Amino acid sequence: MTFHAPHRRRGFTIAECLVAVTLLAVGLLGLAGTALAVERLSGGGARRALAAALARSRMERLRGTACTARAGGSSLTGGLAETWTVTAAPGITELHDSIALPPESGRAVPPLTVATALPC
């Protein structure tokens, strides 16, 4: 009498498939959350870059005017509210520019503030 070893089937059990699908789903959800965070951060960076360019432009415009003609003011450009002040001191003019940034993800963002001094 000859005995043969039972043949094993090849493939995966339902339990193994469920574990694999669950791990895949958790990984994809984590990836989606990370992508959303990156999207939010890059959008905030673009707004900050626009605010910095706006402040630089304002400083250059004020630098090109005579000391006695420099004055403070405010404007709304590209959805960003900008306020600048000019303070005259002996031999220099101090310029302060503050740009309000919109809230990010429901959280308030501090304004971008730039200051410089120009000789007269």
PDB file of N, CA and C in Angstrom:
ATOM      1  N   MET A   1       0.805  -1.151   0.000  1.00  0.00           N
ATOM      2  CA  MET A   1       0.000   0.000   0.000  1.00  0.00           C
ATOM      3  C   MET A   1       0.872   1.247   0.000  1.00  0.00           C
ATOM      4  N   THR A   2       0.550   2.168  -0.879  1.00  0.00           N
ATOM      5  CA  THR A   2       1.320   3.400  -1.026  1.00  0.00           C
ATOM      6  C   THR A   2       0.473   4.588  -0.574  1.00  0.00           C
ATOM      7  N   PHE A   3       1.113   5.407   0.245  1.00  0.00           N
ATOM      8  CA  PHE A   3       0.423   6.637   0.705  1.00  0.00           C
ATOM      9  C   PHE A   3       1.020   7.843   0.010  1.00  0.00           C
ATOM     10  N   HIS A   4       0.145   8.700  -0.462  1.00  0.00           N
ATOM     11  CA  HIS A   4       0.595   9.950  -1.094  1.00  0.00           C
ATOM     12  C   HIS A   4       0.293  11.115  -0.159  1.00  0.00           C
ATOM     13  N   ALA A   5       1.211  12.068  -0.136  1.00  0.00           N
ATOM     14  CA  ALA A   5       0.987  13.284   0.680  1.00  0.00           C
ATOM     15  C   ALA A   5      -0.145  14.092   0.046  1.00  0.00           C
ATOM     16  N   PRO A   6      -0.999  14.678   0.851  1.00  0.00           N
ATOM     17  CA  PRO A   6      -2.095  15.466   0.275  1.00  0.00           C
ATOM     18  C   PRO A   6      -1.549  16.671  -0.489  1.00  0.00           C
ATOM     19  N   HIS A   7      -2.207  17.000  -1.579  1.00  0.00           N
ATOM     20  CA  HIS A   7      -1.793  18.151  -2.384  1.00  0.00           C
ATOM     21  C   HIS A   7      -2.292  19.428  -1.720  1.00  0.00           C
ATOM     22  N   ARG A   8      -1.405  20.396  -1.675  1.00  0.00           N
ATOM     23  CA  ARG A   8      -1.801  21.683  -1.103  1.00  0.00           C
ATOM     24  C   ARG A   8      -2.227  22.583  -2.255  1.00  0.00           C
ATOM     25  N   ARG A   9      -3.265  23.288  -2.045  1.00  0.00           N
ATOM     26  CA  ARG A   9      -3.709  24.232  -3.055  1.00  0.00           C
ATOM     27  C   ARG A   9      -2.835  25.482  -3.016  1.00  0.00           C
ATOM     28  N   ARG A  10      -2.630  26.043  -4.161  1.00  0.00           N
ATOM     29  CA  ARG A  10      -1.884  27.281  -4.232  1.00  0.00           C
ATOM     30  C   ARG A  10      -2.876  28.427  -4.214  1.00  0.00           C
ATOM     31  N   GLY A  11      -2.459  29.565  -3.621  1.00  0.00           N
ATOM     32  CA  GLY A  11      -3.330  30.731  -3.573  1.00  0.00           C
ATOM     33  C   GLY A  11      -3.378  31.306  -2.177  1.00  0.00           C
ATOM     34  N   PHE A  12      -4.338  32.181  -1.963  1.00  0.00           N
ATOM     35  CA  PHE A  12      -4.466  32.889  -0.701  1.00  0.00           C
ATOM     36  C   PHE A  12      -5.808  32.562  -0.070  1.00  0.00           C
ATOM     37  N   THR A  13      -5.825  32.595   1.239  1.00  0.00           N
ATOM     38  CA  THR A  13      -7.091  32.392   1.939  1.00  0.00           C
ATOM     39  C   THR A  13      -7.828  33.720   2.001  1.00  0.00           C
ATOM     40  N   ILE A  14      -9.106  33.651   2.316  1.00  0.00           N
ATOM     41  CA  ILE A  14      -9.904  34.877   2.431  1.00  0.00           C
ATOM     42  C   ILE A  14      -9.347  35.769   3.529  1.00  0.00           C
ATOM     43  N   ALA A  15      -8.902  35.191   4.614  1.00  0.00           N
ATOM     44  CA  ALA A  15      -8.344  35.980   5.727  1.00  0.00           C
ATOM     45  C   ALA A  15      -7.106  36.747   5.270  1.00  0.00           C
ATOM     46  N   GLU A  16      -6.237  36.101   4.516  1.00  0.00           N
ATOM     47  CA  GLU A  16      -5.044  36.784   4.013  1.00  0.00           C
ATOM     48  C   GLU A  16      -5.419  37.925   3.073  1.00  0.00           C
ATOM     49  N   CYS A  17      -6.397  37.714   2.228  1.00  0.00           N
ATOM     50  CA  CYS A  17      -6.845  38.772   1.313  1.00  0.00           C
ATOM     51  C   CYS A  17      -7.432  39.947   2.078  1.00  0.00           C
ATOM     52  N   LEU A  18      -8.228  39.685   3.116  1.00  0.00           N
ATOM     53  CA  LEU A  18      -8.819  40.768   3.911  1.00  0.00           C
ATOM     54  C   LEU A  18      -7.748  41.578   4.631  1.00  0.00           C
ATOM     55  N   VAL A  19      -6.759  40.917   5.158  1.00  0.00           N
ATOM     56  CA  VAL A  19      -5.657  41.625   5.816  1.00  0.00           C
ATOM     57  C   VAL A  19      -4.914  42.501   4.808  1.00  0.00           C
ATOM     58  N   ALA A  20      -4.634  41.969   3.630  1.00  0.00           N
ATOM     59  CA  ALA A  20      -3.923  42.731   2.603  1.00  0.00           C
ATOM     60  C   ALA A  20      -4.735  43.952   2.162  1.00  0.00           C
ATOM     61  N   VAL A  21      -6.034  43.789   1.950  1.00  0.00           N
ATOM     62  CA  VAL A  21      -6.884  44.902   1.525  1.00  0.00           C
ATOM     63  C   VAL A  21      -6.963  45.957   2.626  1.00  0.00           C
ATOM     64  N   THR A  22      -7.053  45.523   3.889  1.00  0.00           N
ATOM     65  CA  THR A  22      -7.104  46.465   5.010  1.00  0.00           C
ATOM     66  C   THR A  22      -5.816  47.273   5.099  1.00  0.00           C
ATOM     67  N   LEU A  23      -4.675  46.615   4.974  1.00  0.00           N
ATOM     68  CA  LEU A  23      -3.398  47.330   5.006  1.00  0.00           C
ATOM     69  C   LEU A  23      -3.270  48.307   3.842  1.00  0.00           C
ATOM     70  N   LEU A  24      -3.717  47.918   2.684  1.00  0.00           N
ATOM     71  CA  LEU A  24      -3.684  48.795   1.522  1.00  0.00           C
ATOM     72  C   LEU A  24      -4.567  50.020   1.745  1.00  0.00           C
ATOM     73  N   ALA A  25      -5.766  49.813   2.301  1.00  0.00           N
ATOM     74  CA  ALA A  25      -6.681  50.929   2.561  1.00  0.00           C
ATOM     75  C   ALA A  25      -6.096  51.906   3.575  1.00  0.00           C
ATOM     76  N   VAL A  26      -5.493  51.398   4.632  1.00  0.00           N
ATOM     77  CA  VAL A  26      -4.875  52.267   5.644  1.00  0.00           C
ATOM     78  C   VAL A  26      -3.728  53.065   5.014  1.00  0.00           C
ATOM     79  N   GLY A  27      -2.922  52.433   4.206  1.00  0.00           N
ATOM     80  CA  GLY A  27      -1.825  53.125   3.530  1.00  0.00           C
ATOM     81  C   GLY A  27      -2.315  54.217   2.601  1.00  0.00           C
ATOM     82  N   LEU A  28      -3.363  53.939   1.832  1.00  0.00           N
ATOM     83  CA  LEU A  28      -3.908  54.942   0.915  1.00  0.00           C
ATOM     84  C   LEU A  28      -4.519  56.119   1.662  1.00  0.00           C
ATOM     85  N   LEU A  29      -5.189  55.855   2.786  1.00  0.00           N
ATOM     86  CA  LEU A  29      -5.746  56.945   3.587  1.00  0.00           C
ATOM     87  C   LEU A  29      -4.640  57.823   4.160  1.00  0.00           C
ATOM     88  N   GLY A  30      -3.570  57.230   4.602  1.00  0.00           N
ATOM     89  CA  GLY A  30      -2.427  58.005   5.097  1.00  0.00           C
ATOM     90  C   GLY A  30      -1.802  58.840   4.003  1.00  0.00           C
ATOM     91  N   LEU A  31      -1.690  58.283   2.821  1.00  0.00           N
ATOM     92  CA  LEU A  31      -1.144  59.017   1.686  1.00  0.00           C
ATOM     93  C   LEU A  31      -2.035  60.192   1.304  1.00  0.00           C
ATOM     94  N   ALA A  32      -3.349  59.991   1.325  1.00  0.00           N
ATOM     95  CA  ALA A  32      -4.279  61.075   1.004  1.00  0.00           C
ATOM     96  C   ALA A  32      -4.188  62.197   2.038  1.00  0.00           C
ATOM     97  N   GLY A  33      -4.050  61.857   3.307  1.00  0.00           N
ATOM     98  CA  GLY A  33      -3.905  62.872   4.358  1.00  0.00           C
ATOM     99  C   GLY A  33      -2.633  63.686   4.189  1.00  0.00           C
ATOM    100  N   THR A  34      -1.553  63.020   3.833  1.00  0.00           N
ATOM    101  CA  THR A  34      -0.289  63.721   3.604  1.00  0.00           C
ATOM    102  C   THR A  34      -0.386  64.642   2.398  1.00  0.00           C
ATOM    103  N   ALA A  35      -1.023  64.186   1.343  1.00  0.00           N
ATOM    104  CA  ALA A  35      -1.191  65.022   0.147  1.00  0.00           C
ATOM    105  C   ALA A  35      -2.000  66.268   0.464  1.00  0.00           C
ATOM    106  N   LEU A  36      -3.025  66.133   1.295  1.00  0.00           N
ATOM    107  CA  LEU A  36      -3.840  67.279   1.683  1.00  0.00           C
ATOM    108  C   LEU A  36      -3.021  68.279   2.493  1.00  0.00           C
ATOM    109  N   ALA A  37      -2.194  67.798   3.408  1.00  0.00           N
ATOM    110  CA  ALA A  37      -1.348  68.689   4.210  1.00  0.00           C
ATOM    111  C   ALA A  37      -0.341  69.429   3.327  1.00  0.00           C
ATOM    112  N   VAL A  38       0.249  68.742   2.372  1.00  0.00           N
ATOM    113  CA  VAL A  38       1.200  69.379   1.457  1.00  0.00           C
ATOM    114  C   VAL A  38       0.497  70.454   0.629  1.00  0.00           C
ATOM    115  N   GLU A  39      -0.705  70.166   0.175  1.00  0.00           N
ATOM    116  CA  GLU A  39      -1.484  71.141  -0.602  1.00  0.00           C
ATOM    117  C   GLU A  39      -1.722  72.408   0.209  1.00  0.00           C
ATOM    118  N   ARG A  40      -2.104  72.240   1.475  1.00  0.00           N
ATOM    119  CA  ARG A  40      -2.362  73.400   2.330  1.00  0.00           C
ATOM    120  C   ARG A  40      -1.100  74.210   2.553  1.00  0.00           C
ATOM    121  N   LEU A  41       0.010  73.539   2.817  1.00  0.00           N
ATOM    122  CA  LEU A  41       1.256  74.247   3.079  1.00  0.00           C
ATOM    123  C   LEU A  41       1.769  74.972   1.843  1.00  0.00           C
ATOM    124  N   SER A  42       1.644  74.377   0.677  1.00  0.00           N
ATOM    125  CA  SER A  42       2.121  75.036  -0.535  1.00  0.00           C
ATOM    126  C   SER A  42       1.256  76.237  -0.880  1.00  0.00           C
ATOM    127  N   GLY A  43      -0.044  76.164  -0.619  1.00  0.00           N
ATOM    128  CA  GLY A  43      -0.916  77.325  -0.848  1.00  0.00           C
ATOM    129  C   GLY A  43      -0.562  78.471   0.071  1.00  0.00           C
ATOM    130  N   GLY A  44      -0.254  78.169   1.334  1.00  0.00           N
ATOM    131  CA  GLY A  44       0.164  79.201   2.274  1.00  0.00           C
ATOM    132  C   GLY A  44       1.483  79.825   1.861  1.00  0.00           C
ATOM    133  N   GLY A  45       2.392  79.018   1.357  1.00  0.00           N
ATOM    134  CA  GLY A  45       3.678  79.532   0.893  1.00  0.00           C
ATOM    135  C   GLY A  45       3.522  80.476  -0.289  1.00  0.00           C
ATOM    136  N   ALA A  46       2.601  80.165  -1.179  1.00  0.00           N
ATOM    137  CA  ALA A  46       2.367  81.036  -2.337  1.00  0.00           C
ATOM    138  C   ALA A  46       1.813  82.386  -1.887  1.00  0.00           C
ATOM    139  N   ARG A  47       0.903  82.372  -0.907  1.00  0.00           N
ATOM    140  CA  ARG A  47       0.360  83.636  -0.400  1.00  0.00           C
ATOM    141  C   ARG A  47       1.438  84.461   0.291  1.00  0.00           C
ATOM    142  N   ARG A  48       2.308  83.798   1.039  1.00  0.00           N
ATOM    143  CA  ARG A  48       3.393  84.517   1.719  1.00  0.00           C
ATOM    144  C   ARG A  48       4.378  85.097   0.703  1.00  0.00           C
ATOM    145  N   ALA A  49       4.660  84.366  -0.357  1.00  0.00           N
ATOM    146  CA  ALA A  49       5.555  84.871  -1.398  1.00  0.00           C
ATOM    147  C   ALA A  49       4.943  86.084  -2.082  1.00  0.00           C
ATOM    148  N   LEU A  50       3.635  86.048  -2.339  1.00  0.00           N
ATOM    149  CA  LEU A  50       2.951  87.200  -2.930  1.00  0.00           C
ATOM    150  C   LEU A  50       3.006  88.397  -1.987  1.00  0.00           C
ATOM    151  N   ALA A  51       2.813  88.168  -0.698  1.00  0.00           N
ATOM    152  CA  ALA A  51       2.870  89.254   0.282  1.00  0.00           C
ATOM    153  C   ALA A  51       4.270  89.853   0.346  1.00  0.00           C
ATOM    154  N   ALA A  52       5.295  89.012   0.317  1.00  0.00           N
ATOM    155  CA  ALA A  52       6.671  89.513   0.354  1.00  0.00           C
ATOM    156  C   ALA A  52       6.993  90.323  -0.895  1.00  0.00           C
ATOM    157  N   ALA A  53       6.523  89.877  -2.048  1.00  0.00           N
ATOM    158  CA  ALA A  53       6.752  90.633  -3.292  1.00  0.00           C
ATOM    159  C   ALA A  53       6.027  91.977  -3.244  1.00  0.00           C
ATOM    160  N   LEU A  54       4.831  91.980  -2.675  1.00  0.00           N
ATOM    161  CA  LEU A  54       4.064  93.221  -2.542  1.00  0.00           C
ATOM    162  C   LEU A  54       4.793  94.207  -1.632  1.00  0.00           C
ATOM    163  N   ALA A  55       5.317  93.724  -0.502  1.00  0.00           N
ATOM    164  CA  ALA A  55       6.063  94.593   0.421  1.00  0.00           C
ATOM    165  C   ALA A  55       7.331  95.122  -0.238  1.00  0.00           C
ATOM    166  N   ARG A  56       8.047  94.267  -0.957  1.00  0.00           N
ATOM    167  CA  ARG A  56       9.265  94.705  -1.643  1.00  0.00           C
ATOM    168  C   ARG A  56       8.944  95.785  -2.674  1.00  0.00           C
ATOM    169  N   SER A  57       7.859  95.597  -3.404  1.00  0.00           N
ATOM    170  CA  SER A  57       7.455  96.585  -4.400  1.00  0.00           C
ATOM    171  C   SER A  57       7.130  97.936  -3.747  1.00  0.00           C
ATOM    172  N   ARG A  58       6.412  97.889  -2.616  1.00  0.00           N
ATOM    173  CA  ARG A  58       6.071  99.127  -1.914  1.00  0.00           C
ATOM    174  C   ARG A  58       7.329  99.840  -1.437  1.00  0.00           C
ATOM    175  N   MET A  59       8.267  99.097  -0.881  1.00  0.00           N
ATOM    176  CA  MET A  59       9.512  99.701  -0.394  1.00  0.00           C
ATOM    177  C   MET A  59      10.292 100.348  -1.537  1.00  0.00           C
ATOM    178  N   GLU A  60      10.328  99.686  -2.685  1.00  0.00           N
ATOM    179  CA  GLU A  60      11.039 100.247  -3.833  1.00  0.00           C
ATOM    180  C   GLU A  60      10.368 101.531  -4.329  1.00  0.00           C
ATOM    181  N   ARG A  61       9.026 101.537  -4.361  1.00  0.00           N
ATOM    182  CA  ARG A  61       8.319 102.754  -4.787  1.00  0.00           C
ATOM    183  C   ARG A  61       8.582 103.912  -3.838  1.00  0.00           C
ATOM    184  N   LEU A  62       8.561 103.631  -2.537  1.00  0.00           N
ATOM    185  CA  LEU A  62       8.823 104.700  -1.572  1.00  0.00           C
ATOM    186  C   LEU A  62      10.279 105.142  -1.612  1.00  0.00           C
ATOM    187  N   ARG A  63      11.180 104.230  -1.891  1.00  0.00           N
ATOM    188  CA  ARG A  63      12.600 104.581  -2.002  1.00  0.00           C
ATOM    189  C   ARG A  63      12.823 105.548  -3.161  1.00  0.00           C
ATOM    190  N   GLY A  64      12.032 105.440  -4.204  1.00  0.00           N
ATOM    191  CA  GLY A  64      12.201 106.296  -5.379  1.00  0.00           C
ATOM    192  C   GLY A  64      11.583 107.681  -5.241  1.00  0.00           C
ATOM    193  N   THR A  65      10.946 107.987  -4.129  1.00  0.00           N
ATOM    194  CA  THR A  65      10.345 109.310  -3.942  1.00  0.00           C
ATOM    195  C   THR A  65      11.230 110.158  -3.035  1.00  0.00           C
ATOM    196  N   ALA A  66      11.030 111.463  -3.096  1.00  0.00           N
ATOM    197  CA  ALA A  66      11.787 112.385  -2.242  1.00  0.00           C
ATOM    198  C   ALA A  66      11.386 112.177  -0.782  1.00  0.00           C
ATOM    199  N   CYS A  67      12.293 112.474   0.138  1.00  0.00           N
ATOM    200  CA  CYS A  67      12.035 112.249   1.568  1.00  0.00           C
ATOM    201  C   CYS A  67      10.785 112.986   2.037  1.00  0.00           C
ATOM    202  N   THR A  68      10.576 114.201   1.569  1.00  0.00           N
ATOM    203  CA  THR A  68       9.425 114.984   2.022  1.00  0.00           C
ATOM    204  C   THR A  68       8.119 114.486   1.408  1.00  0.00           C
ATOM    205  N   ALA A  69       8.182 113.736   0.313  1.00  0.00           N
ATOM    206  CA  ALA A  69       6.979 113.250  -0.355  1.00  0.00           C
ATOM    207  C   ALA A  69       6.553 111.862   0.137  1.00  0.00           C
ATOM    208  N   ARG A  70       7.346 111.221   0.968  1.00  0.00           N
ATOM    209  CA  ARG A  70       7.013 109.884   1.457  1.00  0.00           C
ATOM    210  C   ARG A  70       5.901 109.985   2.498  1.00  0.00           C
ATOM    211  N   ALA A  71       4.868 109.172   2.319  1.00  0.00           N
ATOM    212  CA  ALA A  71       3.730 109.199   3.244  1.00  0.00           C
ATOM    213  C   ALA A  71       3.179 107.790   3.423  1.00  0.00           C
ATOM    214  N   GLY A  72       2.530 107.563   4.550  1.00  0.00           N
ATOM    215  CA  GLY A  72       1.912 106.281   4.830  1.00  0.00           C
ATOM    216  C   GLY A  72       0.621 106.115   4.053  1.00  0.00           C
ATOM    217  N   GLY A  73       0.045 104.940   4.125  1.00  0.00           N
ATOM    218  CA  GLY A  73      -1.207 104.696   3.423  1.00  0.00           C
ATOM    219  C   GLY A  73      -1.622 103.243   3.536  1.00  0.00           C
ATOM    220  N   SER A  74      -2.611 102.883   2.741  1.00  0.00           N
ATOM    221  CA  SER A  74      -3.081 101.501   2.712  1.00  0.00           C
ATOM    222  C   SER A  74      -3.636 101.190   1.339  1.00  0.00           C
ATOM    223  N   SER A  75      -3.683  99.901   1.014  1.00  0.00           N
ATOM    224  CA  SER A  75      -4.233  99.470  -0.268  1.00  0.00           C
ATOM    225  C   SER A  75      -4.676  98.017  -0.160  1.00  0.00           C
ATOM    226  N   LEU A  76      -5.467  97.596  -1.116  1.00  0.00           N
ATOM    227  CA  LEU A  76      -5.911  96.212  -1.220  1.00  0.00           C
ATOM    228  C   LEU A  76      -5.462  95.701  -2.583  1.00  0.00           C
ATOM    229  N   THR A  77      -4.538  94.739  -2.590  1.00  0.00           N
ATOM    230  CA  THR A  77      -3.976  94.214  -3.831  1.00  0.00           C
ATOM    231  C   THR A  77      -4.044  92.692  -3.810  1.00  0.00           C
ATOM    232  N   GLY A  78      -4.683  92.122  -4.802  1.00  0.00           N
ATOM    233  CA  GLY A  78      -4.749  90.673  -4.910  1.00  0.00           C
ATOM    234  C   GLY A  78      -5.385  90.008  -3.692  1.00  0.00           C
ATOM    235  N   GLY A  79      -6.308  90.699  -3.049  1.00  0.00           N
ATOM    236  CA  GLY A  79      -6.971  90.152  -1.871  1.00  0.00           C
ATOM    237  C   GLY A  79      -6.169  90.307  -0.591  1.00  0.00           C
ATOM    238  N   LEU A  80      -5.007  90.969  -0.658  1.00  0.00           N
ATOM    239  CA  LEU A  80      -4.175  91.191   0.519  1.00  0.00           C
ATOM    240  C   LEU A  80      -4.271  92.662   0.932  1.00  0.00           C
ATOM    241  N   ALA A  81      -4.611  92.896   2.199  1.00  0.00           N
ATOM    242  CA  ALA A  81      -4.703  94.260   2.730  1.00  0.00           C
ATOM    243  C   ALA A  81      -3.320  94.693   3.208  1.00  0.00           C
ATOM    244  N   GLU A  82      -2.848  95.823   2.678  1.00  0.00           N
ATOM    245  CA  GLU A  82      -1.515  96.325   2.993  1.00  0.00           C
ATOM    246  C   GLU A  82      -1.631  97.687   3.669  1.00  0.00           C
ATOM    247  N   THR A  83      -0.865  97.886   4.727  1.00  0.00           N
ATOM    248  CA  THR A  83      -0.808  99.173   5.416  1.00  0.00           C
ATOM    249  C   THR A  83       0.653  99.516   5.637  1.00  0.00           C
ATOM    250  N   TRP A  84       1.049 100.749   5.277  1.00  0.00           N
ATOM    251  CA  TRP A  84       2.432 101.158   5.481  1.00  0.00           C
ATOM    252  C   TRP A  84       2.474 102.500   6.198  1.00  0.00           C
ATOM    253  N   THR A  85       3.515 102.661   7.004  1.00  0.00           N
ATOM    254  CA  THR A  85       3.719 103.914   7.730  1.00  0.00           C
ATOM    255  C   THR A  85       5.114 104.432   7.433  1.00  0.00           C
ATOM    256  N   VAL A  86       5.234 105.742   7.459  1.00  0.00           N
ATOM    257  CA  VAL A  86       6.500 106.413   7.212  1.00  0.00           C
ATOM    258  C   VAL A  86       6.782 107.307   8.416  1.00  0.00           C
ATOM    259  N   THR A  87       7.951 107.161   9.016  1.00  0.00           N
ATOM    260  CA  THR A  87       8.346 107.977  10.161  1.00  0.00           C
ATOM    261  C   THR A  87       9.648 108.680   9.814  1.00  0.00           C
ATOM    262  N   ALA A  88       9.615 110.001   9.870  1.00  0.00           N
ATOM    263  CA  ALA A  88      10.807 110.792   9.555  1.00  0.00           C
ATOM    264  C   ALA A  88      11.645 110.943  10.818  1.00  0.00           C
ATOM    265  N   ALA A  89      12.929 110.709  10.687  1.00  0.00           N
ATOM    266  CA  ALA A  89      13.900 110.915  11.752  1.00  0.00           C
ATOM    267  C   ALA A  89      15.050 111.709  11.143  1.00  0.00           C
ATOM    268  N   PRO A  90      15.890 112.332  11.969  1.00  0.00           N
ATOM    269  CA  PRO A  90      16.996 113.120  11.412  1.00  0.00           C
ATOM    270  C   PRO A  90      17.892 112.281  10.496  1.00  0.00           C
ATOM    271  N   GLY A  91      17.903 112.607   9.241  1.00  0.00           N
ATOM    272  CA  GLY A  91      18.767 111.958   8.262  1.00  0.00           C
ATOM    273  C   GLY A  91      18.237 110.656   7.671  1.00  0.00           C
ATOM    274  N   ILE A  92      17.151 110.103   8.204  1.00  0.00           N
ATOM    275  CA  ILE A  92      16.610 108.848   7.671  1.00  0.00           C
ATOM    276  C   ILE A  92      15.086 108.890   7.676  1.00  0.00           C
ATOM    277  N   THR A  93      14.515 107.982   6.921  1.00  0.00           N
ATOM    278  CA  THR A  93      13.072 107.756   6.933  1.00  0.00           C
ATOM    279  C   THR A  93      12.850 106.287   7.238  1.00  0.00           C
ATOM    280  N   GLU A  94      12.068 106.008   8.277  1.00  0.00           N
ATOM    281  CA  GLU A  94      11.756 104.628   8.632  1.00  0.00           C
ATOM    282  C   GLU A  94      10.459 104.220   7.945  1.00  0.00           C
ATOM    283  N   LEU A  95      10.487 103.074   7.273  1.00  0.00           N
ATOM    284  CA  LEU A  95       9.320 102.556   6.567  1.00  0.00           C
ATOM    285  C   LEU A  95       8.906 101.229   7.203  1.00  0.00           C
ATOM    286  N   HIS A  96       7.613 101.091   7.517  1.00  0.00           N
ATOM    287  CA  HIS A  96       7.055  99.852   8.056  1.00  0.00           C
ATOM    288  C   HIS A  96       5.879  99.453   7.184  1.00  0.00           C
ATOM    289  N   ASP A  97       5.917  98.243   6.672  1.00  0.00           N
ATOM    290  CA  ASP A  97       4.859  97.738   5.802  1.00  0.00           C
ATOM    291  C   ASP A  97       4.287  96.474   6.425  1.00  0.00           C
ATOM    292  N   SER A  98       2.969  96.419   6.604  1.00  0.00           N
ATOM    293  CA  SER A  98       2.304  95.265   7.194  1.00  0.00           C
ATOM    294  C   SER A  98       1.247  94.764   6.214  1.00  0.00           C
ATOM    295  N   ILE A  99       1.296  93.466   5.920  1.00  0.00           N
ATOM    296  CA  ILE A  99       0.350  92.871   4.972  1.00  0.00           C
ATOM    297  C   ILE A  99      -0.409  91.765   5.695  1.00  0.00           C
ATOM    298  N   ALA A 100      -1.747  91.918   5.734  1.00  0.00           N
ATOM    299  CA  ALA A 100      -2.611  90.926   6.394  1.00  0.00           C
ATOM    300  C   ALA A 100      -2.803  89.740   5.461  1.00  0.00           C
ATOM    301  N   LEU A 101      -2.541  88.545   5.978  1.00  0.00           N
ATOM    302  CA  LEU A 101      -2.719  87.320   5.196  1.00  0.00           C
ATOM    303  C   LEU A 101      -4.053  86.682   5.561  1.00  0.00           C
ATOM    304  N   PRO A 102      -4.733  86.065   4.596  1.00  0.00           N
ATOM    305  CA  PRO A 102      -6.021  85.407   4.898  1.00  0.00           C
ATOM    306  C   PRO A 102      -5.808  84.193   5.794  1.00  0.00           C
ATOM    307  N   PRO A 103      -6.835  83.800   6.544  1.00  0.00           N
ATOM    308  CA  PRO A 103      -6.712  82.621   7.411  1.00  0.00           C
ATOM    309  C   PRO A 103      -6.428  81.363   6.601  1.00  0.00           C
ATOM    310  N   GLU A 104      -5.666  80.456   7.208  1.00  0.00           N
ATOM    311  CA  GLU A 104      -5.362  79.168   6.584  1.00  0.00           C
ATOM    312  C   GLU A 104      -6.010  78.069   7.412  1.00  0.00           C
ATOM    313  N   SER A 105      -6.864  77.296   6.816  1.00  0.00           N
ATOM    314  CA  SER A 105      -7.546  76.174   7.470  1.00  0.00           C
ATOM    315  C   SER A 105      -8.282  76.628   8.729  1.00  0.00           C
ATOM    316  N   GLY A 106      -8.886  77.816   8.656  1.00  0.00           N
ATOM    317  CA  GLY A 106      -9.656  78.319   9.783  1.00  0.00           C
ATOM    318  C   GLY A 106      -8.818  78.930  10.886  1.00  0.00           C
ATOM    319  N   ARG A 107      -7.505  78.952  10.734  1.00  0.00           N
ATOM    320  CA  ARG A 107      -6.626  79.532  11.754  1.00  0.00           C
ATOM    321  C   ARG A 107      -6.120  80.886  11.293  1.00  0.00           C
ATOM    322  N   ALA A 108      -6.079  81.830  12.219  1.00  0.00           N
ATOM    323  CA  ALA A 108      -5.564  83.157  11.904  1.00  0.00           C
ATOM    324  C   ALA A 108      -4.062  83.068  11.622  1.00  0.00           C
ATOM    325  N   VAL A 109      -3.615  83.863  10.665  1.00  0.00           N
ATOM    326  CA  VAL A 109      -2.207  83.912  10.293  1.00  0.00           C
ATOM    327  C   VAL A 109      -1.687  85.298  10.647  1.00  0.00           C
ATOM    328  N   PRO A 110      -0.544  85.396  11.339  1.00  0.00           N
ATOM    329  CA  PRO A 110      -0.023  86.727  11.671  1.00  0.00           C
ATOM    330  C   PRO A 110       0.359  87.482  10.408  1.00  0.00           C
ATOM    331  N   PRO A 111       0.234  88.800  10.435  1.00  0.00           N
ATOM    332  CA  PRO A 111       0.566  89.582   9.235  1.00  0.00           C
ATOM    333  C   PRO A 111       2.069  89.536   8.951  1.00  0.00           C
ATOM    334  N   LEU A 112       2.403  89.715   7.696  1.00  0.00           N
ATOM    335  CA  LEU A 112       3.796  89.827   7.287  1.00  0.00           C
ATOM    336  C   LEU A 112       4.193  91.285   7.491  1.00  0.00           C
ATOM    337  N   THR A 113       5.235  91.537   8.271  1.00  0.00           N
ATOM    338  CA  THR A 113       5.675  92.898   8.556  1.00  0.00           C
ATOM    339  C   THR A 113       7.115  93.056   8.102  1.00  0.00           C
ATOM    340  N   VAL A 114       7.354  94.140   7.343  1.00  0.00           N
ATOM    341  CA  VAL A 114       8.684  94.440   6.829  1.00  0.00           C
ATOM    342  C   VAL A 114       9.022  95.867   7.248  1.00  0.00           C
ATOM    343  N   ALA A 115      10.252  96.080   7.697  1.00  0.00           N
ATOM    344  CA  ALA A 115      10.686  97.411   8.087  1.00  0.00           C
ATOM    345  C   ALA A 115      12.055  97.690   7.484  1.00  0.00           C
ATOM    346  N   THR A 116      12.277  98.958   7.134  1.00  0.00           N
ATOM    347  CA  THR A 116      13.569  99.377   6.607  1.00  0.00           C
ATOM    348  C   THR A 116      13.770 100.845   6.909  1.00  0.00           C
ATOM    349  N   ALA A 117      14.988 101.296   6.787  1.00  0.00           N
ATOM    350  CA  ALA A 117      15.329 102.708   6.977  1.00  0.00           C
ATOM    351  C   ALA A 117      16.040 103.200   5.735  1.00  0.00           C
ATOM    352  N   LEU A 118      15.626 104.360   5.250  1.00  0.00           N
ATOM    353  CA  LEU A 118      16.232 104.945   4.050  1.00  0.00           C
ATOM    354  C   LEU A 118      16.910 106.265   4.389  1.00  0.00           C
ATOM    355  N   PRO A 119      18.091 106.492   3.861  1.00  0.00           N
ATOM    356  CA  PRO A 119      18.749 107.790   4.125  1.00  0.00           C
ATOM    357  C   PRO A 119      18.065 108.900   3.348  1.00  0.00           C
ATOM    358  N   CYS A 120      18.117 110.093   3.918  1.00  0.00           N
ATOM    359  CA  CYS A 120      17.564 111.266   3.212  1.00  0.00           C
ATOM    360  C   CYS A 120      18.677 112.163   2.746  1.00  0.00           C
TER     361      CYS A 120
END
